[in-house]
Amino acid sequence: MNAKKARVTIISLNYAPEQTGIAPYATDLANGLHQRGHAVQVIAGYPHYPSWEVSDGYPGKRMSETIDGVAVRRVRQYTPRHLTNAKRILLELSFGLGAVLQNWNKPDVVICTSPALLSTLLVSLRLRAFRRRPKLGIWVQDIYSKGLAEISDQPTKISGLAAKLESAVLRSADGVLVIHDRFRSTLTDGMSIEPRKIVTIRNWTHIVKNAETTAHNAREKHGWPERSTVILHAGNMGAKQGLENVINAAKAAHLSALPMYFVLLGDGNQREHLTKLAGNLPNLQFLDSLDDDDFQSALAASDMLLVNERAGVVDTAVPSKLTTYFLMERPIIAATDRRSATADEIRDSQAGIVVPPGDPEALIEAIQTLMGDSGLATSLARNGGDFYRANLDRNFAIDRFQLWLGHVSGKGDLK
């Protein structure tokens, strides 16, 4: 191999064919590095997210496949139907143990996605056994300990112990990649990670916009009322999203005979609970995950796109759905804490309105504001498209990963 190319092993619980969350970014990174001539292999879990059931066509406990020219080794993880903190530990440890027992093909650099933090811990421990130790990069998509504190209502002692573990794992890395500068501040100020180790590379839009997408066909296909304003939330239905707020808003809109139609698109471990809570509301629809073309059509057919986060979520994550929302050029409403990274993105992009989380009346008021001001709605939508074009290009992000690889591996410029 060319000395200026790197051997890279990416270890990620989530990978294609999963379509949401971390998987599209891990897949794009592997493909992008492979296309640039690097020797890339992936060690991934069995596809299971966001349904929390292993996908059909993935039997056994180990398997190998090639996806877009990239060699992928699969190790079957424990997959709970209903996630708890104890079950998450088993999930991550089962994947981590499987991953460390695989052949890593003598990489120059190992890149782990976090989550899964405990899998990354096991990888870092295995690296100590190498005589010629590969460099370790940890790609932080969510801040694990913040999730325990902000989402799981764990006692301070438990979340504090998690923060110490997360700090130790990240400090063991040769480089840490974060998706937002807010994460950088949290890691340096709260976890004592050396600033020189941290590089910010934003998540990008992993969907290619289809110029032939037609909104009318999607509204007709899904049975959306023509004279109602459609507000769509896409992606995971988990605890972090706090989607009870959307159901309560739909109930209030129905009682007030407001022409609003809410769509929850996707899956997750809270979907069953949310479906029961919604009952037979005539102005709310649950849609299963869609392929890329139908997904784009559904977003294009919506009048507004919604990000909803549970009250108290501030530093845990930046919703990956935002990158696609910007691409689709629809006004965004973000029901989130004004201190959150999500609110920062909305303000920076000037692509939407931020309202308090867990406040259905405030959500309805924001919808009514956009319904009554088409000029504002158009301006916010246009701003989202401009922000996408300026900041969220895939090739630019992969080029930055390549520069980071050259630095952390000691190979210099890998172009």
Protein backbone atom coordinates (compact mmCIF):
# COMPACT_ATOMS: atom_id res chain seq x y z
CA MET A 1 0.00 0.00 0.00
CA ASN A 2 1.05 3.59 -0.63
CA ALA A 3 2.83 4.85 2.50
CA LYS A 4 0.61 7.90 2.35
CA LYS A 5 -2.53 5.80 2.77
CA ALA A 6 -3.77 4.50 6.10
CA ARG A 7 -5.14 1.20 7.34
CA VAL A 8 -8.29 2.03 9.29
CA THR A 9 -10.61 -0.11 11.40
CA ILE A 10 -13.92 1.50 12.34
CA ILE A 11 -15.71 -0.08 15.29
CA SER A 12 -19.33 1.03 15.45
CA LEU A 13 -22.34 -0.67 16.97
CA ASN A 14 -24.48 1.08 14.36
CA TYR A 15 -23.90 0.83 10.60
CA ALA A 16 -25.81 0.41 7.33
CA PRO A 17 -28.49 -0.71 6.60
CA GLU A 18 -29.68 1.31 9.61
CA GLN A 19 -30.96 4.63 8.27
CA THR A 20 -31.06 6.90 11.31
CA GLY A 21 -28.85 7.95 14.20
CA ILE A 22 -25.12 7.23 14.08
CA ALA A 23 -25.22 4.56 11.36
CA PRO A 24 -25.44 6.82 8.26
CA TYR A 25 -22.41 8.82 9.45
CA ALA A 26 -20.30 5.76 10.27
CA THR A 27 -21.23 4.33 6.86
CA ASP A 28 -20.43 7.54 5.01
CA LEU A 29 -17.08 7.83 6.78
CA ALA A 30 -16.08 4.27 5.87
CA ASN A 31 -17.18 4.76 2.25
CA GLY A 32 -15.49 8.15 1.96
CA LEU A 33 -12.15 6.90 3.26
CA HIS A 34 -12.38 3.79 1.07
CA GLN A 35 -13.04 5.96 -1.99
CA ARG A 36 -9.93 7.99 -1.14
CA GLY A 37 -7.80 4.84 -1.30
CA HIS A 38 -7.46 3.92 2.37
CA ALA A 39 -7.73 0.30 3.52
CA VAL A 40 -10.92 0.33 5.58
CA GLN A 41 -12.65 -2.43 7.47
CA VAL A 42 -15.66 -2.08 9.75
CA ILE A 43 -16.62 -4.09 12.82
CA ALA A 44 -20.32 -3.48 13.43
CA GLY A 45 -23.23 -4.83 15.37
CA TYR A 46 -26.26 -6.49 13.84
CA PRO A 47 -28.69 -3.85 12.51
CA HIS A 48 -31.39 -3.17 15.11
CA TYR A 49 -31.98 0.59 15.44
CA PRO A 50 -34.43 2.26 15.93
CA SER A 51 -36.83 -0.73 16.10
CA TRP A 52 -34.74 -2.53 18.78
CA GLU A 53 -35.16 -5.78 16.89
CA VAL A 54 -32.45 -7.38 14.75
CA SER A 55 -33.33 -6.90 11.09
CA ASP A 56 -34.40 -9.82 8.90
CA GLY A 57 -31.61 -11.39 6.87
CA TYR A 58 -29.00 -11.28 9.64
CA PRO A 59 -28.84 -14.78 11.16
CA GLY A 60 -26.31 -16.34 13.50
CA LYS A 61 -23.80 -14.71 15.84
CA ARG A 62 -21.07 -13.72 13.37
CA MET A 63 -21.13 -12.85 9.69
CA SER A 64 -19.19 -10.93 7.07
CA GLU A 65 -20.42 -8.87 4.14
CA THR A 66 -19.20 -6.20 1.76
CA ILE A 67 -21.13 -2.95 1.53
CA ASP A 68 -20.11 -0.50 -1.22
CA GLY A 69 -16.66 -2.09 -1.38
CA VAL A 70 -16.05 -1.93 2.39
CA ALA A 71 -15.48 -5.17 4.31
CA VAL A 72 -17.89 -5.38 7.26
CA ARG A 73 -17.59 -7.95 10.04
CA ARG A 74 -20.77 -8.32 12.09
CA VAL A 75 -20.90 -9.45 15.73
CA ARG A 76 -24.31 -10.08 17.23
CA GLN A 77 -25.05 -8.00 20.29
CA TYR A 78 -27.66 -8.51 22.98
CA THR A 79 -30.66 -6.48 21.75
CA PRO A 80 -33.35 -5.68 24.32
CA ARG A 81 -36.83 -4.82 23.07
CA HIS A 82 -37.24 -2.28 25.87
CA LEU A 83 -34.06 -0.45 26.83
CA THR A 84 -33.05 0.22 30.43
CA ASN A 85 -29.68 1.33 31.78
CA ALA A 86 -28.87 -2.22 32.92
CA LYS A 87 -29.81 -3.62 29.52
CA ARG A 88 -27.75 -0.92 27.76
CA ILE A 89 -24.72 -2.11 29.73
CA LEU A 90 -25.32 -5.68 28.54
CA LEU A 91 -25.87 -4.47 24.96
CA GLU A 92 -22.61 -2.52 24.85
CA LEU A 93 -20.52 -5.14 26.64
CA SER A 94 -21.80 -7.92 24.36
CA PHE A 95 -20.87 -5.91 21.28
CA GLY A 96 -17.54 -4.83 22.75
CA LEU A 97 -16.53 -8.37 23.66
CA GLY A 98 -17.39 -9.56 20.17
CA ALA A 99 -15.50 -6.67 18.59
CA VAL A 100 -12.27 -7.17 20.53
CA LEU A 101 -12.17 -10.85 19.51
CA GLN A 102 -12.22 -9.99 15.79
CA ASN A 103 -9.18 -9.73 13.54
CA TRP A 104 -8.45 -6.02 13.21
CA ASN A 105 -6.08 -6.41 10.23
CA LYS A 106 -3.16 -4.51 11.80
CA PRO A 107 -4.63 -1.02 11.46
CA ASP A 108 -2.74 2.23 11.76
CA VAL A 109 -5.79 3.81 13.39
CA VAL A 110 -8.86 2.42 15.15
CA ILE A 111 -11.91 4.73 15.20
CA CYS A 112 -14.65 3.98 17.72
CA THR A 113 -18.03 5.68 17.79
CA SER A 114 -19.38 6.68 21.18
CA PRO A 115 -21.96 5.64 22.09
CA ALA A 116 -21.17 2.80 22.64
CA LEU A 117 -18.87 3.91 25.50
CA LEU A 118 -18.41 0.54 27.19
CA SER A 119 -17.49 -1.11 23.89
CA THR A 120 -14.93 1.64 23.38
CA LEU A 121 -13.52 0.95 26.85
CA LEU A 122 -12.95 -2.70 25.91
CA VAL A 123 -11.29 -1.65 22.65
CA SER A 124 -8.94 0.69 24.49
CA LEU A 125 -7.99 -2.14 26.86
CA ARG A 126 -7.28 -4.50 23.97
CA LEU A 127 -5.05 -1.93 22.32
CA ARG A 128 -2.67 -2.19 25.28
CA ALA A 129 -1.86 -5.75 24.20
CA PHE A 130 -0.48 -4.64 20.81
CA ARG A 131 3.30 -4.55 20.51
CA ARG A 132 2.90 -1.87 17.85
CA ARG A 133 -0.16 -0.13 19.19
CA PRO A 134 -2.52 1.42 16.63
CA LYS A 135 -3.65 4.94 17.35
CA LEU A 136 -7.11 5.26 18.86
CA GLY A 137 -9.63 7.88 17.80
CA ILE A 138 -12.98 8.23 19.55
CA TRP A 139 -15.80 9.88 17.61
CA VAL A 140 -18.23 11.38 20.14
CA GLN A 141 -21.79 11.56 18.84
CA ASP A 142 -23.47 11.78 22.26
CA ILE A 143 -21.98 12.61 25.65
CA TYR A 144 -22.77 9.48 27.58
CA SER A 145 -22.67 10.76 31.16
CA LYS A 146 -24.74 13.82 30.28
CA GLY A 147 -27.39 11.48 28.94
CA LEU A 148 -27.58 9.69 32.29
CA ALA A 149 -27.89 12.98 34.12
CA GLU A 150 -30.31 14.67 31.71
CA ILE A 151 -32.45 11.82 30.40
CA SER A 152 -32.35 8.88 32.79
CA ASP A 153 -32.87 10.80 36.03
CA GLN A 154 -30.01 8.90 37.59
CA PRO A 155 -28.76 9.91 41.05
CA THR A 156 -25.89 12.39 40.96
CA LYS A 157 -23.52 9.73 42.31
CA ILE A 158 -24.21 7.37 39.40
CA SER A 159 -23.95 10.02 36.70
CA GLY A 160 -20.79 11.29 38.41
CA LEU A 161 -19.23 7.83 38.23
CA ALA A 162 -20.23 7.61 34.56
CA ALA A 163 -18.53 10.96 33.91
CA LYS A 164 -15.32 9.70 35.52
CA LEU A 165 -15.42 6.54 33.36
CA GLU A 166 -16.15 8.56 30.21
CA SER A 167 -13.29 10.92 31.04
CA ALA A 168 -10.88 8.02 31.52
CA VAL A 169 -11.89 6.38 28.23
CA LEU A 170 -11.58 9.62 26.27
CA ARG A 171 -8.24 10.48 27.88
CA SER A 172 -6.93 7.08 26.72
CA ALA A 173 -7.48 8.10 23.09
CA ASP A 174 -4.86 9.66 20.82
CA GLY A 175 -7.55 11.89 19.32
CA VAL A 176 -11.15 12.79 20.09
CA LEU A 177 -13.57 13.89 17.37
CA VAL A 178 -16.69 15.83 18.37
CA ILE A 179 -19.66 16.93 16.26
CA HIS A 180 -20.17 20.35 17.86
CA ASP A 181 -18.08 22.94 19.68
CA ARG A 182 -20.44 22.63 22.66
CA PHE A 183 -19.14 19.08 23.09
CA ARG A 184 -15.58 20.39 22.96
CA SER A 185 -16.28 22.77 25.84
CA THR A 186 -17.95 20.03 27.88
CA LEU A 187 -15.01 17.66 27.42
CA THR A 188 -12.30 20.21 28.19
CA ASP A 189 -14.04 21.96 31.08
CA GLY A 190 -15.85 19.02 32.65
CA MET A 191 -13.74 15.96 31.83
CA SER A 192 -10.17 17.29 31.69
CA ILE A 193 -9.59 16.24 28.08
CA GLU A 194 -6.60 18.07 26.62
CA PRO A 195 -7.82 20.65 24.07
CA ARG A 196 -5.06 19.68 21.63
CA LYS A 197 -6.59 16.19 21.35
CA ILE A 198 -10.02 17.43 20.31
CA VAL A 199 -11.11 18.20 16.75
CA THR A 200 -14.61 19.39 15.80
CA ILE A 201 -16.02 17.88 12.61
CA ARG A 202 -19.72 18.54 12.14
CA ASN A 203 -22.09 15.82 11.08
CA TRP A 204 -23.14 16.31 7.48
CA THR A 205 -26.28 15.68 5.47
CA HIS A 206 -26.13 12.03 4.46
CA ILE A 207 -29.08 12.23 2.06
CA VAL A 208 -28.72 13.42 -1.53
CA LYS A 209 -31.62 15.72 -2.32
CA ASN A 210 -33.85 14.39 -5.08
CA ALA A 211 -34.83 17.18 -7.45
CA GLU A 212 -37.90 15.20 -8.56
CA THR A 213 -39.39 14.96 -5.06
CA THR A 214 -43.09 15.90 -5.20
CA ALA A 215 -44.93 17.02 -2.10
CA HIS A 216 -48.45 16.54 -3.44
CA ASN A 217 -47.97 12.82 -4.10
CA ALA A 218 -46.69 12.23 -0.57
CA ARG A 219 -49.65 14.00 1.05
CA GLU A 220 -52.05 11.94 -1.00
CA LYS A 221 -50.15 8.70 -0.41
CA HIS A 222 -50.13 9.10 3.38
CA GLY A 223 -53.65 10.44 3.61
CA TRP A 224 -52.75 13.85 4.97
CA PRO A 225 -55.59 16.39 4.83
CA GLU A 226 -55.00 19.01 2.15
CA ARG A 227 -56.33 21.91 4.19
CA SER A 228 -54.38 21.17 7.37
CA THR A 229 -50.90 22.35 8.29
CA VAL A 230 -48.67 19.25 8.57
CA ILE A 231 -46.04 19.23 11.32
CA LEU A 232 -43.64 16.30 11.03
CA HIS A 233 -41.15 14.88 13.51
CA ALA A 234 -38.71 12.35 12.00
CA GLY A 235 -36.38 9.87 13.66
CA ASN A 236 -36.06 8.02 16.91
CA MET A 237 -38.93 7.81 19.38
CA GLY A 238 -36.99 7.42 22.61
CA ALA A 239 -36.86 8.92 26.08
CA LYS A 240 -34.62 11.78 24.93
CA GLN A 241 -37.25 13.02 22.47
CA GLY A 242 -40.04 13.47 25.05
CA LEU A 243 -42.69 13.07 22.36
CA GLU A 244 -45.53 13.11 24.86
CA ASN A 245 -45.33 16.86 24.29
CA VAL A 246 -46.34 16.41 20.64
CA ILE A 247 -49.25 14.16 21.53
CA ASN A 248 -50.48 16.68 24.10
CA ALA A 249 -50.22 19.43 21.48
CA ALA A 250 -52.22 17.31 19.02
CA LYS A 251 -54.89 16.74 21.67
CA ALA A 252 -55.12 20.46 22.40
CA ALA A 253 -55.27 21.33 18.70
CA HIS A 254 -58.05 18.79 18.15
CA LEU A 255 -60.10 20.11 21.07
CA SER A 256 -59.75 23.64 19.68
CA ALA A 257 -60.55 22.53 16.11
CA LEU A 258 -57.25 23.94 14.84
CA PRO A 259 -56.27 22.81 11.30
CA MET A 260 -53.06 21.08 12.43
CA TYR A 261 -51.98 17.54 11.54
CA PHE A 262 -49.04 15.96 13.40
CA VAL A 263 -46.90 13.15 11.98
CA LEU A 264 -44.43 11.04 13.98
CA LEU A 265 -42.19 9.28 11.46
CA GLY A 266 -39.83 6.53 12.59
CA ASP A 267 -39.57 4.02 15.39
CA GLY A 268 -38.04 3.61 18.83
CA ASN A 269 -38.45 2.05 22.24
CA GLN A 270 -41.15 4.57 23.24
CA ARG A 271 -43.37 4.12 20.19
CA GLU A 272 -45.69 1.57 21.79
CA HIS A 273 -46.16 3.81 24.82
CA LEU A 274 -46.79 6.85 22.62
CA THR A 275 -49.30 4.98 20.46
CA LYS A 276 -51.33 4.06 23.54
CA LEU A 277 -51.15 7.63 24.81
CA ALA A 278 -52.38 9.01 21.49
CA GLY A 279 -55.35 6.69 21.26
CA ASN A 280 -57.45 7.45 18.18
CA LEU A 281 -56.54 11.10 17.70
CA PRO A 282 -57.72 12.02 14.18
CA ASN A 283 -55.01 14.67 13.73
CA LEU A 284 -51.98 12.53 14.58
CA GLN A 285 -50.35 9.79 12.53
CA PHE A 286 -47.54 7.33 13.23
CA LEU A 287 -45.52 6.44 10.12
CA ASP A 288 -43.00 3.62 9.87
CA SER A 289 -39.48 4.39 8.64
CA LEU A 290 -39.31 5.08 4.90
CA ASP A 291 -36.70 4.57 2.19
CA ASP A 292 -34.70 7.64 1.16
CA ASP A 293 -36.98 8.74 -1.70
CA ASP A 294 -40.20 8.36 0.29
CA PHE A 295 -38.54 9.95 3.32
CA GLN A 296 -37.61 13.02 1.31
CA SER A 297 -41.09 13.20 -0.18
CA ALA A 298 -42.66 13.10 3.28
CA LEU A 299 -40.42 15.91 4.56
CA ALA A 300 -41.02 17.96 1.43
CA ALA A 301 -44.77 17.52 1.82
CA SER A 302 -44.69 18.81 5.39
CA ASP A 303 -45.33 22.45 6.16
CA MET A 304 -43.05 22.46 9.21
CA LEU A 305 -40.43 20.12 10.64
CA LEU A 306 -40.19 19.49 14.36
CA VAL A 307 -37.36 18.73 16.77
CA ASN A 308 -38.69 17.81 20.20
CA GLU A 309 -36.50 17.14 23.22
CA ARG A 310 -37.32 16.20 26.76
CA ALA A 311 -37.10 19.00 29.31
CA GLY A 312 -33.61 19.08 30.83
CA VAL A 313 -31.74 17.88 27.74
CA VAL A 314 -28.98 20.44 27.26
CA ASP A 315 -25.55 18.95 26.51
CA THR A 316 -26.29 15.31 25.66
CA ALA A 317 -26.51 15.41 21.87
CA VAL A 318 -27.18 17.34 18.68
CA PRO A 319 -30.08 15.65 16.83
CA SER A 320 -28.84 14.17 13.56
CA LYS A 321 -32.22 14.94 11.96
CA LEU A 322 -31.31 18.63 11.84
CA THR A 323 -28.86 18.14 8.98
CA THR A 324 -31.62 16.68 6.81
CA TYR A 325 -34.14 19.28 7.96
CA PHE A 326 -31.81 22.04 6.75
CA LEU A 327 -31.39 20.27 3.40
CA MET A 328 -35.15 20.01 2.85
CA GLU A 329 -35.66 23.76 3.35
CA ARG A 330 -38.70 23.69 5.59
CA PRO A 331 -39.17 25.97 8.62
CA ILE A 332 -38.16 24.23 11.83
CA ILE A 333 -39.71 24.37 15.28
CA ALA A 334 -37.43 23.18 18.09
CA ALA A 335 -39.09 22.39 21.41
CA THR A 336 -35.91 22.35 23.48
CA ASP A 337 -34.12 24.06 26.33
CA ARG A 338 -32.80 27.45 25.19
CA ARG A 339 -29.39 26.48 26.63
CA SER A 340 -29.16 23.32 24.53
CA ALA A 341 -26.86 22.55 21.62
CA THR A 342 -29.99 22.07 19.52
CA ALA A 343 -31.13 25.62 20.29
CA ASP A 344 -27.64 26.86 19.38
CA GLU A 345 -27.96 25.21 15.96
CA ILE A 346 -31.35 26.79 15.32
CA ARG A 347 -30.06 30.22 16.31
CA ASP A 348 -26.85 29.85 14.29
CA SER A 349 -28.75 28.74 11.19
CA GLN A 350 -31.66 31.15 11.69
CA ALA A 351 -33.78 28.35 10.29
CA GLY A 352 -36.46 28.04 12.92
CA ILE A 353 -38.19 28.98 16.14
CA VAL A 354 -37.18 27.72 19.60
CA VAL A 355 -39.93 27.09 22.16
CA PRO A 356 -39.76 25.63 25.69
CA PRO A 357 -39.78 21.82 25.93
CA GLY A 358 -42.75 20.06 27.46
CA ASP A 359 -45.05 23.00 26.74
CA PRO A 360 -47.72 22.02 24.17
CA GLU A 361 -49.32 25.47 24.29
CA ALA A 362 -46.02 27.09 23.29
CA LEU A 363 -45.63 24.56 20.48
CA ILE A 364 -49.12 25.35 19.14
CA GLU A 365 -48.41 29.08 19.38
CA ALA A 366 -45.23 28.68 17.27
CA ILE A 367 -47.16 26.69 14.67
CA GLN A 368 -49.80 29.40 14.53
CA THR A 369 -47.10 32.06 14.13
CA LEU A 370 -45.73 30.31 11.04
CA MET A 371 -49.22 29.58 9.70
CA GLY A 372 -50.00 33.29 9.88
CA ASP A 373 -46.72 34.61 8.46
CA SER A 374 -45.77 32.93 5.18
CA GLY A 375 -42.92 35.40 4.69
CA LEU A 376 -41.29 34.33 7.96
CA ALA A 377 -41.79 30.64 7.13
CA THR A 378 -40.20 31.10 3.70
CA SER A 379 -37.26 33.04 5.15
CA LEU A 380 -36.54 30.40 7.82
CA ALA A 381 -36.70 27.63 5.21
CA ARG A 382 -34.30 29.48 2.92
CA ASN A 383 -31.90 30.10 5.81
CA GLY A 384 -31.81 26.37 6.54
CA GLY A 385 -30.81 25.62 2.95
CA ASP A 386 -28.11 28.28 3.06
CA PHE A 387 -26.75 26.85 6.33
CA TYR A 388 -26.64 23.36 4.84
CA ARG A 389 -24.71 24.51 1.77
CA ALA A 390 -22.21 26.48 3.85
CA ASN A 391 -21.56 24.01 6.68
CA LEU A 392 -22.83 20.48 6.10
CA ASP A 393 -21.12 19.19 2.95
CA ARG A 394 -20.17 15.50 3.15
CA ASN A 395 -16.99 15.72 1.09
CA PHE A 396 -15.68 18.62 3.17
CA ALA A 397 -16.23 16.61 6.36
CA ILE A 398 -14.54 13.46 5.01
CA ASP A 399 -11.58 15.55 3.83
CA ARG A 400 -11.24 16.85 7.39
CA PHE A 401 -11.31 13.27 8.69
CA GLN A 402 -8.52 12.43 6.25
CA LEU A 403 -6.42 15.34 7.53
CA TRP A 404 -7.03 14.15 11.08
CA LEU A 405 -6.01 10.60 10.13
CA GLY A 406 -2.74 11.85 8.71
CA HIS A 407 -2.04 13.80 11.86
CA VAL A 408 -2.94 11.15 14.40
CA SER A 409 -1.21 8.31 12.48
CA GLY A 410 1.96 10.31 11.89
CA LYS A 411 1.70 9.81 8.13
CA GLY A 412 1.22 13.51 7.37
CA ASP A 413 -0.79 14.62 4.37
CA LEU A 414 -2.75 11.59 3.11
CA LYS A 415 -4.18 13.18 -0.03
